[in-house]
Amino acid sequence: MNQEVILKGPVKGLGAEADMVKVKPGYARNFLFPRGLATPVNAASKRQLESLKKRRAEREAAEAAASQEKAAKLARLALAFELKQAQEGAEKLFGAITSKEIAAALVEKGFEVEHRDITLAKVINQVGEHDVTVDLGYSVKVQIKVKVTGNTDENFEKPTKARRPRKSASADVAKEELSE
């Protein structure tokens, strides 16, 4: 048995303002209602629905305009990456540029983009310019240029993020044995 509620604001995985959705009674009672995210469907809440719809339309219009503005800035942007190359003149590189690396480069340039919003037509593992599609939401997509160069230097290593070493139970046991 589900309970029908009207959402007061966007709830990830459920809907946005003014959406009438059916949820489990416990979810509504224990999560949505105490946080002010929803109201039960009744005559009073149905009257409130129009103001919620208006607020949702205003929010979506503002977000769409922000996406358009962001797209205009991104369209002028070109990213450059350098990968290790076997020999001069060879197009094949060691490694590849992933959507996570592109997203990290965009964040460094001041654009908040999730890696799952970046679409690669094919794996970027060759020298040259590549087109990458970034989905900004609200049907706004923009193409950015990614330029990849190769480096044949023996000591060159692709810059990576610093990672914390994994902690395992066997490492703890080994440390205890050494300390004894």
Protein backbone atom coordinates (compact mmCIF):
# COMPACT_ATOMS: atom_id res chain seq x y z
CA MET A 1 0.00 0.00 0.00
CA ASN A 2 1.49 3.31 -1.12
CA GLN A 3 0.79 6.85 0.03
CA GLU A 4 0.43 9.73 -2.38
CA VAL A 5 2.42 12.87 -1.56
CA ILE A 6 3.19 16.21 -3.21
CA LEU A 7 6.88 17.12 -3.29
CA LYS A 8 7.78 20.61 -2.04
CA GLY A 9 11.28 20.55 -3.53
CA PRO A 10 13.48 18.36 -5.71
CA VAL A 11 14.18 14.92 -4.21
CA LYS A 12 16.91 12.93 -5.94
CA GLY A 13 15.52 9.78 -7.50
CA LEU A 14 11.91 10.76 -6.81
CA GLY A 15 10.98 14.00 -8.56
CA ALA A 16 10.87 17.80 -8.41
CA GLU A 17 8.55 20.37 -6.87
CA ALA A 18 4.85 19.95 -7.52
CA ASP A 19 5.20 16.28 -8.51
CA MET A 20 2.56 13.99 -7.06
CA VAL A 21 4.26 10.67 -6.36
CA LYS A 22 3.40 7.47 -4.57
CA VAL A 23 5.81 6.34 -1.88
CA LYS A 24 5.84 3.84 0.95
CA PRO A 25 4.13 5.22 4.07
CA GLY A 26 7.24 4.74 6.21
CA TYR A 27 9.42 6.68 3.75
CA ALA A 28 6.95 9.55 3.77
CA ARG A 29 6.46 9.51 7.54
CA ASN A 30 10.12 9.06 8.52
CA PHE A 31 12.02 10.92 5.79
CA LEU A 32 9.95 13.23 3.57
CA PHE A 33 7.59 14.81 6.10
CA PRO A 34 10.12 15.55 8.90
CA ARG A 35 12.51 17.22 6.42
CA GLY A 36 9.73 19.30 4.86
CA LEU A 37 10.26 17.75 1.43
CA ALA A 38 6.65 16.65 0.90
CA THR A 39 3.08 17.00 2.12
CA PRO A 40 0.31 14.43 2.04
CA VAL A 41 -2.26 14.85 -0.72
CA ASN A 42 -5.38 16.55 0.59
CA ALA A 43 -7.59 19.49 -0.37
CA ALA A 44 -5.27 22.11 1.17
CA SER A 45 -2.13 20.71 -0.45
CA LYS A 46 -3.84 20.56 -3.85
CA ARG A 47 -4.49 24.31 -3.60
CA GLN A 48 -0.81 24.82 -2.81
CA LEU A 49 0.13 22.90 -5.97
CA GLU A 50 -0.10 25.96 -8.27
CA SER A 51 2.46 27.97 -6.30
CA LEU A 52 4.80 24.97 -6.28
CA LYS A 53 4.45 24.60 -10.06
CA LYS A 54 5.26 28.30 -10.53
CA ARG A 55 8.35 28.04 -8.31
CA ARG A 56 9.48 24.94 -10.22
CA ALA A 57 9.11 26.71 -13.59
CA GLU A 58 11.16 29.67 -12.34
CA ARG A 59 13.90 27.40 -10.99
CA GLU A 60 14.08 25.36 -14.18
CA ALA A 61 14.21 28.52 -16.33
CA ALA A 62 17.09 29.88 -14.24
CA GLU A 63 18.97 26.55 -14.43
CA ALA A 64 18.42 26.34 -18.21
CA ALA A 65 19.78 29.87 -18.65
CA ALA A 66 22.80 29.01 -16.51
CA SER A 67 23.39 25.90 -18.64
CA GLN A 68 23.26 27.98 -21.83
CA GLU A 69 25.74 30.47 -20.38
CA LYS A 70 28.05 27.66 -19.27
CA ALA A 71 27.82 26.11 -22.76
CA ALA A 72 28.90 29.38 -24.38
CA LYS A 73 31.98 29.51 -22.16
CA LEU A 74 32.81 25.83 -22.66
CA ALA A 75 32.54 26.11 -26.46
CA ARG A 76 35.53 28.47 -26.47
CA LEU A 77 37.60 26.13 -24.31
CA ALA A 78 40.27 23.69 -25.50
CA LEU A 79 41.94 21.19 -23.19
CA ALA A 80 45.48 19.88 -23.68
CA PHE A 81 46.82 16.56 -22.42
CA GLU A 82 50.21 14.92 -22.77
CA LEU A 83 50.77 11.17 -22.73
CA LYS A 84 53.86 9.03 -23.04
CA GLN A 85 54.66 8.04 -26.59
CA ALA A 86 56.79 5.09 -27.76
CA GLN A 87 58.70 6.90 -30.50
CA GLU A 88 58.60 10.18 -32.37
CA GLY A 89 56.00 10.21 -35.13
CA ALA A 90 53.99 7.29 -33.78
CA GLU A 91 50.33 8.07 -33.22
CA LYS A 92 49.77 5.37 -30.60
CA LEU A 93 50.23 6.41 -27.00
CA PHE A 94 50.68 4.59 -23.72
CA GLY A 95 47.44 5.01 -21.82
CA ALA A 96 44.29 6.94 -22.68
CA ILE A 97 42.41 10.05 -21.70
CA THR A 98 39.20 9.18 -19.83
CA SER A 99 36.08 11.16 -19.03
CA LYS A 100 37.24 11.40 -15.40
CA GLU A 101 40.48 13.12 -16.46
CA ILE A 102 38.57 15.51 -18.71
CA ALA A 103 36.14 16.31 -15.89
CA ALA A 104 39.07 16.94 -13.51
CA ALA A 105 40.66 19.30 -16.07
CA LEU A 106 37.36 21.16 -16.45
CA VAL A 107 37.03 21.50 -12.67
CA GLU A 108 40.54 22.98 -12.56
CA LYS A 109 39.39 25.54 -15.13
CA GLY A 110 36.39 26.44 -12.95
CA PHE A 111 33.60 24.39 -14.54
CA GLU A 112 31.62 22.01 -12.35
CA VAL A 113 31.09 18.97 -14.58
CA GLU A 114 30.52 15.34 -13.60
CA HIS A 115 32.47 12.69 -15.51
CA ARG A 116 29.26 10.86 -16.40
CA ASP A 117 28.08 13.97 -18.28
CA ILE A 118 31.02 13.65 -20.70
CA THR A 119 30.55 11.51 -23.79
CA LEU A 120 33.55 10.23 -25.71
CA ALA A 121 32.89 9.10 -29.29
CA LYS A 122 35.84 6.70 -28.98
CA VAL A 123 38.71 6.11 -26.63
CA ILE A 124 41.21 8.96 -26.74
CA ASN A 125 44.55 7.22 -27.11
CA GLN A 126 46.01 8.85 -30.21
CA VAL A 127 47.83 12.11 -30.84
CA GLY A 128 45.68 14.86 -32.28
CA GLU A 129 42.52 16.85 -31.67
CA HIS A 130 39.39 15.08 -30.51
CA ASP A 131 35.82 16.31 -30.06
CA VAL A 132 34.16 15.56 -26.74
CA THR A 133 30.49 16.15 -25.93
CA VAL A 134 29.52 17.56 -22.54
CA ASP A 135 25.87 17.29 -21.47
CA LEU A 136 24.95 20.23 -19.24
CA GLY A 137 21.33 19.23 -18.70
CA TYR A 138 18.14 20.84 -20.01
CA SER A 139 18.97 19.51 -23.50
CA VAL A 140 22.12 21.65 -23.63
CA LYS A 141 25.10 19.84 -25.12
CA VAL A 142 28.38 21.41 -26.11
CA GLN A 143 31.41 20.14 -28.05
CA ILE A 144 34.85 20.87 -26.63
CA LYS A 145 38.23 20.23 -28.20
CA VAL A 146 40.72 17.95 -26.50
CA LYS A 147 44.24 18.14 -27.88
CA VAL A 148 46.53 15.21 -27.09
CA THR A 149 50.28 15.35 -27.57
CA GLY A 150 52.92 12.69 -27.07
CA ASN A 151 56.13 12.84 -25.10
CA THR A 152 59.01 10.48 -25.88
CA ASP A 153 61.11 11.47 -22.86
CA GLU A 154 62.28 8.38 -20.91
CA ASN A 155 61.56 9.98 -17.53
CA PHE A 156 58.10 11.30 -18.45
CA GLU A 157 55.20 9.97 -16.44
CA LYS A 158 51.60 10.91 -16.86
CA PRO A 159 50.51 13.09 -13.92
CA THR A 160 48.21 11.14 -11.62
CA LYS A 161 46.19 11.97 -8.59
CA ALA A 162 47.77 11.13 -5.28
CA ARG A 163 46.04 8.08 -3.89
CA ARG A 164 45.93 6.88 -0.36
CA PRO A 165 47.37 3.41 0.05
CA ARG A 166 44.79 0.77 0.78
CA LYS A 167 44.72 -0.47 4.29
CA SER A 168 44.39 -4.20 4.58
CA ALA A 169 44.15 -6.57 7.51
CA SER A 170 47.36 -8.36 6.49
CA ALA A 171 49.27 -5.05 6.58
CA ASP A 172 48.04 -4.44 10.15
CA VAL A 173 49.19 -7.91 11.21
CA ALA A 174 52.60 -7.36 9.63
CA LYS A 175 52.98 -4.03 11.48
CA GLU A 176 52.05 -5.69 14.78
CA GLU A 177 54.60 -8.47 14.21
CA LEU A 178 57.33 -5.91 13.46
CA SER A 179 56.57 -3.88 16.56
CA GLU A 180 56.87 -6.91 18.86
